[in-house]
Protein backbone atom coordinates (compact mmCIF):
# COMPACT_ATOMS: atom_id res chain seq x y z
CA MET A 1 -27.80 16.29 6.91
CA ARG A 2 -31.01 16.87 8.79
CA ALA A 3 -31.87 17.32 12.42
CA CYS A 4 -33.37 14.37 14.26
CA PRO A 5 -34.60 13.91 17.85
CA HIS A 6 -32.68 12.27 20.68
CA ARG A 7 -29.27 13.51 19.48
CA THR A 8 -29.63 11.31 16.44
CA THR A 9 -27.93 12.27 13.21
CA CYS A 10 -29.36 11.49 9.80
CA PHE A 11 -27.16 11.53 6.73
CA VAL A 12 -27.07 10.26 3.17
CA VAL A 13 -25.06 7.15 2.42
CA PRO A 14 -24.35 5.74 -1.08
CA TRP A 15 -27.39 5.23 -3.33
CA GLY A 16 -29.20 8.06 -1.54
CA ARG A 17 -30.64 6.07 1.35
CA PHE A 18 -31.37 8.01 4.53
CA LEU A 19 -30.35 6.01 7.54
CA THR A 20 -30.22 7.02 11.17
CA LEU A 21 -27.86 6.22 13.98
CA LEU A 22 -28.22 6.98 17.64
CA ARG A 23 -25.46 9.07 19.18
CA ARG A 24 -24.59 9.12 22.88
CA THR A 25 -21.54 9.62 25.04
CA ALA A 26 -20.59 6.68 27.22
CA ASP A 27 -21.59 8.70 30.28
CA GLU A 28 -25.02 9.47 28.82
CA LEU A 29 -25.68 5.89 27.81
CA GLY A 30 -24.31 4.55 31.06
CA VAL A 31 -27.07 6.18 33.08
CA ALA A 32 -29.83 5.60 30.53
CA ASP A 33 -32.62 3.13 31.18
CA PRO A 34 -31.97 0.09 28.94
CA ASP A 35 -35.64 -0.30 28.03
CA SER A 36 -35.86 3.38 27.05
CA LEU A 37 -32.74 2.99 24.93
CA VAL A 38 -34.25 0.02 23.11
CA GLU A 39 -37.46 1.94 22.45
CA GLN A 40 -35.51 4.83 20.94
CA LEU A 41 -33.57 2.47 18.67
CA LEU A 42 -36.77 0.69 17.66
CA GLY A 43 -38.41 3.99 16.80
CA GLN A 44 -35.48 5.14 14.68
CA MET A 45 -35.28 1.78 12.90
CA LEU A 46 -38.98 1.91 12.09
CA ILE A 47 -38.65 5.44 10.70
CA THR A 48 -35.55 4.83 8.60
CA ARG A 49 -35.97 1.20 7.52
CA GLY A 50 -39.66 0.50 7.86
CA TYR A 51 -39.40 -2.49 10.19
CA ARG A 52 -38.69 -3.39 13.81
CA ALA A 53 -35.70 -5.28 15.08
CA SER A 54 -36.15 -8.90 16.07
CA PRO A 55 -36.55 -9.76 19.77
CA SER A 56 -33.04 -11.23 19.81
CA GLU A 57 -31.55 -8.00 18.44
CA GLN A 58 -33.51 -5.97 20.97
CA GLN A 59 -32.13 -8.16 23.73
CA SER A 60 -28.63 -7.62 22.35
CA TRP A 61 -29.11 -3.85 22.54
CA ARG A 62 -30.47 -4.09 26.07
CA ARG A 63 -27.48 -6.08 27.33
CA SER A 64 -24.48 -5.24 25.16
CA LEU A 65 -24.73 -1.44 24.89
CA PRO A 66 -24.92 -0.73 28.65
CA ALA A 67 -22.07 -3.22 29.21
CA LEU A 68 -19.88 -1.40 26.69
CA ALA A 69 -20.75 1.99 28.17
CA SER A 70 -19.80 0.72 31.62
CA ASP A 71 -16.43 -0.51 30.33
CA LEU A 72 -15.74 2.83 28.65
CA ARG A 73 -16.51 4.68 31.86
CA SER A 74 -14.24 2.32 33.80
CA ALA A 75 -11.49 3.22 31.31
CA GLY A 76 -12.04 6.93 31.98
CA LEU A 77 -13.54 7.40 28.52
CA GLY A 78 -17.00 8.64 29.48
CA ASP A 79 -16.82 11.55 26.99
CA VAL A 80 -16.17 9.30 24.01
CA GLU A 81 -19.06 9.35 21.54
CA MET A 82 -20.87 6.08 20.80
CA LEU A 83 -22.35 5.99 17.30
CA ILE A 84 -24.80 3.11 17.52
CA HIS A 85 -25.59 1.08 14.40
CA LEU A 86 -23.55 2.94 11.82
CA PRO A 87 -25.23 2.04 8.52
CA LEU A 88 -23.21 0.18 5.88
CA THR A 89 -25.86 -0.37 3.19
CA SER A 90 -27.96 -3.33 4.44
CA GLN A 91 -25.30 -4.21 7.04
CA ARG A 92 -24.32 -2.10 10.01
CA ALA A 93 -21.58 -1.90 12.57
CA ASP A 94 -22.87 -2.31 16.12
CA VAL A 95 -20.98 0.68 17.51
CA VAL A 96 -18.35 3.11 16.27
CA LEU A 97 -16.51 4.95 19.02
CA ALA A 98 -15.41 8.46 18.10
CA GLY A 99 -12.75 10.35 20.00
CA ILE A 100 -9.22 11.73 19.96
CA HIS A 101 -6.14 9.59 19.47
CA PRO A 102 -3.95 9.90 22.60
CA ALA A 103 -0.70 9.92 20.60
CA THR A 104 -1.54 12.00 17.52
CA GLY A 105 -4.26 14.30 18.84
CA GLN A 106 -6.23 13.59 15.67
CA ALA A 107 -9.68 12.06 15.28
CA SER A 108 -9.74 8.37 16.13
CA TYR A 109 -12.46 5.79 15.49
CA VAL A 110 -12.92 2.26 16.84
CA VAL A 111 -15.42 -0.04 15.12
CA LEU A 112 -16.84 -2.63 17.52
CA GLU A 113 -18.75 -5.81 16.82
CA LEU A 114 -20.54 -6.79 20.04
CA LYS A 115 -21.39 -10.44 20.67
CA GLN A 116 -23.25 -12.00 23.58
CA TRP A 117 -21.61 -15.34 22.86
CA SER A 118 -20.20 -17.17 25.87
CA ALA A 119 -18.84 -20.05 23.74
CA ALA A 120 -17.99 -20.76 20.10
CA THR A 121 -16.08 -23.45 18.23
CA MET A 122 -14.59 -23.77 14.76
CA PHE A 123 -17.07 -25.11 12.22
CA GLU A 124 -15.83 -28.41 10.74
CA GLY A 125 -12.22 -27.27 10.73
CA ASP A 126 -12.95 -24.15 8.65
CA PRO A 127 -10.81 -21.22 9.91
CA GLU A 128 -13.36 -18.62 8.77
CA LEU A 129 -16.55 -20.05 10.27
CA VAL A 130 -17.70 -20.83 13.79
CA THR A 131 -20.60 -22.60 15.49
CA VAL A 132 -22.31 -20.96 18.47
CA PRO A 133 -24.12 -23.32 20.88
CA GLY A 134 -27.84 -22.67 21.04
CA MET A 135 -27.85 -20.29 18.08
CA ASN A 136 -29.83 -21.19 14.98
CA GLY A 137 -29.00 -20.24 11.41
CA GLY A 138 -25.97 -22.39 10.70
CA PRO A 139 -22.30 -21.41 10.95
CA LYS A 140 -21.35 -17.80 11.63
CA LEU A 141 -18.52 -15.72 10.27
CA ARG A 142 -15.70 -15.12 12.73
CA PRO A 143 -16.42 -11.82 14.51
CA VAL A 144 -12.91 -10.54 13.76
CA ARG A 145 -13.47 -11.06 10.02
CA GLN A 146 -16.79 -9.29 10.36
CA VAL A 147 -15.30 -6.17 11.94
CA GLN A 148 -12.41 -6.18 9.45
CA GLY A 149 -14.97 -6.03 6.65
CA TYR A 150 -16.72 -3.07 8.29
CA CYS A 151 -13.43 -1.20 8.66
CA SER A 152 -12.51 -1.80 5.02
CA TYR A 153 -15.90 -0.56 3.93
CA LEU A 154 -15.62 2.63 5.97
CA ALA A 155 -12.10 3.27 4.70
CA ASP A 156 -13.39 2.95 1.13
CA PHE A 157 -16.43 5.20 1.52
CA VAL A 158 -15.68 7.92 4.06
CA ARG A 159 -13.55 10.77 2.72
CA ALA A 160 -12.66 11.91 6.24
CA LEU A 161 -10.69 8.68 6.64
CA ALA A 162 -8.74 9.07 3.39
CA ASP A 163 -4.99 9.32 3.94
CA GLN A 164 -5.51 8.74 7.67
CA PRO A 165 -4.07 5.25 8.16
CA ASP A 166 -4.06 5.44 11.95
CA ALA A 167 -7.55 6.88 12.33
CA LEU A 168 -9.44 3.58 12.20
CA ALA A 169 -9.25 0.44 14.32
CA GLY A 170 -11.60 -2.46 14.90
CA ALA A 171 -12.33 -5.16 17.45
CA ALA A 172 -14.85 -7.84 18.32
CA TYR A 173 -15.92 -7.83 21.96
CA LEU A 174 -17.51 -10.90 23.57
CA HIS A 175 -18.43 -9.43 26.93
CA ASN A 176 -20.23 -12.58 28.13
CA ALA A 177 -17.27 -14.87 27.42
CA THR A 178 -15.81 -15.14 30.91
CA ASN A 179 -13.95 -18.41 30.25
CA THR A 180 -11.26 -18.14 27.58
CA ALA A 181 -11.30 -21.90 27.00
CA THR A 182 -14.86 -21.79 25.60
CA VAL A 183 -13.85 -19.36 22.84
CA ALA A 184 -10.28 -20.52 22.26
CA ASP A 185 -11.03 -21.39 18.61
CA LEU A 186 -11.78 -17.74 17.87
CA SER A 187 -8.21 -16.70 18.63
CA ALA A 188 -6.78 -18.38 15.53
CA VAL A 189 -7.19 -15.26 13.37
CA PRO A 190 -4.02 -13.11 13.26
CA VAL A 191 -4.32 -9.79 15.08
CA SER A 192 -4.46 -6.63 12.97
CA THR A 193 -5.25 -2.96 13.61
CA THR A 194 -8.74 -3.42 12.19
CA GLY A 195 -9.39 -6.84 13.67
CA ARG A 196 -8.72 -8.23 17.11
CA LEU A 197 -10.70 -10.15 19.70
CA PHE A 198 -11.45 -9.33 23.33
CA THR A 199 -13.54 -11.20 25.88
CA GLY A 200 -15.07 -10.51 29.27
CA ALA A 201 -12.41 -12.77 30.75
CA ALA A 202 -9.73 -10.30 29.68
CA LEU A 203 -11.45 -7.00 30.40
CA GLY A 204 -8.17 -5.38 31.38
CA LYS A 205 -6.73 -5.99 27.90
CA PHE A 206 -9.85 -4.52 26.29
CA ILE A 207 -9.58 -1.38 28.42
CA GLU A 208 -5.89 -1.12 27.58
CA PHE A 209 -6.75 -1.31 23.88
CA LEU A 210 -9.41 1.37 24.20
CA ARG A 211 -7.01 3.70 26.00
CA SER A 212 -4.41 3.15 23.27
CA ARG A 213 -6.88 4.42 20.64
CA LEU A 214 -8.94 7.01 22.54
CA ALA A 215 -7.97 9.82 24.91
CA PRO A 216 -10.06 10.85 27.94
CA ALA A 217 -11.51 13.84 26.11
CA SER A 218 -14.67 14.81 24.27
CA GLY A 219 -15.31 12.89 21.08
CA ALA A 220 -17.95 15.31 19.80
CA ALA A 221 -15.75 16.96 17.15
CA ALA A 222 -14.53 13.59 15.85
CA ALA A 223 -18.10 12.31 15.64
CA ASP A 224 -19.16 15.44 13.76
CA THR A 225 -16.28 14.99 11.30
CA LEU A 226 -17.28 11.41 10.55
CA LEU A 227 -20.98 12.11 10.18
CA ARG A 228 -20.46 15.19 8.00
CA SER A 229 -17.86 13.55 5.79
CA ALA A 230 -18.36 13.38 2.06
CA ILE A 231 -19.13 9.90 0.79
CA ALA A 232 -16.62 8.61 -1.76
CA PRO A 233 -17.26 5.85 -4.31
CA SER A 234 -16.06 2.55 -2.99
CA ARG A 235 -13.16 0.57 -4.34
CA GLN A 236 -15.53 -2.14 -5.55
CA LEU A 237 -17.35 0.32 -7.81
CA LEU A 238 -14.27 1.93 -9.37
CA LYS A 239 -11.59 -0.74 -9.47
CA VAL A 240 -13.24 -4.12 -9.65
CA ALA A 241 -14.67 -3.47 -13.09
CA ALA A 242 -11.25 -2.39 -14.35
CA ASP A 243 -9.72 -5.58 -12.96
CA GLU A 244 -12.45 -7.67 -14.65
CA VAL A 245 -13.46 -9.30 -11.37
CA GLN A 246 -10.27 -11.35 -11.29
CA ILE A 247 -9.27 -10.69 -7.67
CA ARG A 248 -11.93 -11.84 -5.23
CA GLU A 249 -10.38 -10.00 -2.26
CA ARG A 250 -11.38 -6.66 -3.80
CA PHE A 251 -15.02 -7.25 -2.88
CA ASN A 252 -15.90 -5.88 0.55
CA LEU A 253 -18.55 -8.36 1.61
CA LEU A 254 -20.06 -7.57 4.98
CA GLY A 255 -21.43 -9.65 7.81
CA ASP A 256 -23.98 -12.18 6.62
CA GLN A 257 -22.87 -11.68 3.01
CA GLN A 258 -19.36 -12.85 3.79
CA ALA A 259 -20.64 -15.66 6.01
CA ALA A 260 -22.78 -16.95 3.13
CA VAL A 261 -19.84 -16.92 0.72
CA GLN A 262 -17.57 -18.70 3.21
CA THR A 263 -20.25 -21.33 3.85
CA VAL A 264 -20.51 -22.07 0.12
CA HIS A 265 -16.71 -22.28 -0.20
CA HIS A 266 -16.63 -24.65 2.76
CA ALA A 267 -19.28 -26.91 1.19
CA VAL A 268 -17.39 -27.01 -2.12
CA ARG A 269 -14.09 -27.86 -0.42
CA LYS A 270 -15.79 -30.58 1.59
CA ALA A 271 -17.40 -32.04 -1.54
CA ARG A 272 -14.09 -32.05 -3.38
CA ALA A 273 -12.30 -33.71 -0.48
CA GLY A 274 -14.89 -36.45 -0.01
CA ASN A 275 -15.94 -37.21 -3.58
CA PRO A 276 -13.25 -38.44 -6.01
CA SER A 277 -15.63 -38.27 -8.96
CA PHE A 278 -16.23 -34.60 -8.17
CA ARG A 279 -12.49 -33.95 -8.31
CA ARG A 280 -12.12 -35.86 -11.58
CA ALA A 281 -14.96 -33.84 -13.10
CA VAL A 282 -13.52 -30.49 -12.03
CA GLN A 283 -9.77 -30.92 -12.49
CA PRO A 284 -9.68 -31.75 -16.24
CA ALA A 285 -11.70 -28.65 -16.95
CA ARG A 286 -9.06 -26.29 -15.57
CA PRO A 287 -6.37 -26.91 -18.26
CA GLN A 288 -9.02 -26.51 -20.95
CA LEU A 289 -10.14 -23.21 -19.44
CA LEU A 290 -6.55 -21.99 -19.18
CA GLN A 291 -5.81 -23.04 -22.78
CA GLY A 292 -8.92 -21.24 -23.96
CA ALA A 293 -7.97 -18.10 -22.06
CA ALA A 294 -4.44 -18.21 -23.52
CA HIS A 295 -5.83 -18.64 -27.02
CA ARG A 296 -8.17 -15.66 -26.62
CA ARG A 297 -5.29 -13.59 -25.24
CA ASP A 298 -3.03 -14.45 -28.20
CA GLU A 299 -5.81 -13.73 -30.67
CA GLY A 300 -6.36 -10.35 -29.03
CA VAL A 301 -2.66 -9.48 -29.24
CA ARG A 302 -2.52 -10.40 -32.93
CA HIS A 303 -5.66 -8.36 -33.59
CA ARG A 304 -4.26 -5.28 -31.85
CA ARG A 305 -0.95 -5.58 -33.74
CA HIS A 306 -2.82 -5.87 -37.03
CA ARG A 307 -4.88 -2.77 -36.29
CA SER A 308 -1.78 -0.85 -35.24
CA SER A 309 0.01 -1.81 -38.46
CA ASN A 310 -2.94 -0.72 -40.60
CA SER A 311 -3.13 2.60 -38.73
CA ARG A 312 0.55 3.36 -39.41
CA SER A 313 0.16 2.48 -43.08
CA THR A 314 -2.82 4.79 -43.45
CA ALA A 315 -1.12 7.65 -41.64
CA SER A 316 2.22 7.52 -43.61
CA PRO A 317 2.66 10.27 -46.30
CA HIS A 318 2.62 9.37 -50.02
CA ASN A 319 5.33 10.94 -52.29
């Protein structure tokens, strides 16, 4: 850890990269000048990552962060700590709220993905991807999936969250979506503790959720605990190799990474569905691959049995 200006905390994340996040209470951020806030974030990003945020990201900071602070203050949670842009390697969660759980009295954290979207529709029938009117760059990952990935990543890396199943929750918040009909397609994802969706049209439900996870008390100690936590190796580094990359769900892809993978999967499914020759080319290969895998497995078993038999013969005493 090292001291940084503007109540910013610097800490080491995996692979030794120093990254910075800006830390404010909701009350502090609620009375801050939005332009000054953006300048502070730009300065920290330039120091820690060597580049400036795009104009669209700056605009997102200017609009979304004050809106969230206002909602927290309306919920009576002005003392909750807002950890802005928690670094997750090249990806980052927009905000992590740190406070005290109202039921357990223990540290409680809420990961938030903030979107300025006022409308979004499912992309070509794919349940994982959405299209946002007026936004370039192709289909986007569902915000709920995005925040679920961030929560999984934090649970894997942060020792302070180990064995604390109720310490972490996540939500996507579309504060500009004031008409539920324009974002109805986003509600198809099942609700979970680490992934749910709230809109500006249902602000009362969002405030109710926040109050269920955070008490009206100082979040300073909880924020300190998170930021000072030891960093544990992730599941993908320790277990995926042992499982020989056979279970895709063990990879914690984040944000744009997961969106890219889902887009490729969507294109392959679409090609298979619309091109019979593609299906004929792919399907016969699967039995051959399975037969080959079975043959290699059987050969390995026979080889191990042969070695075991030789070892017992060598070790037996001679009279």
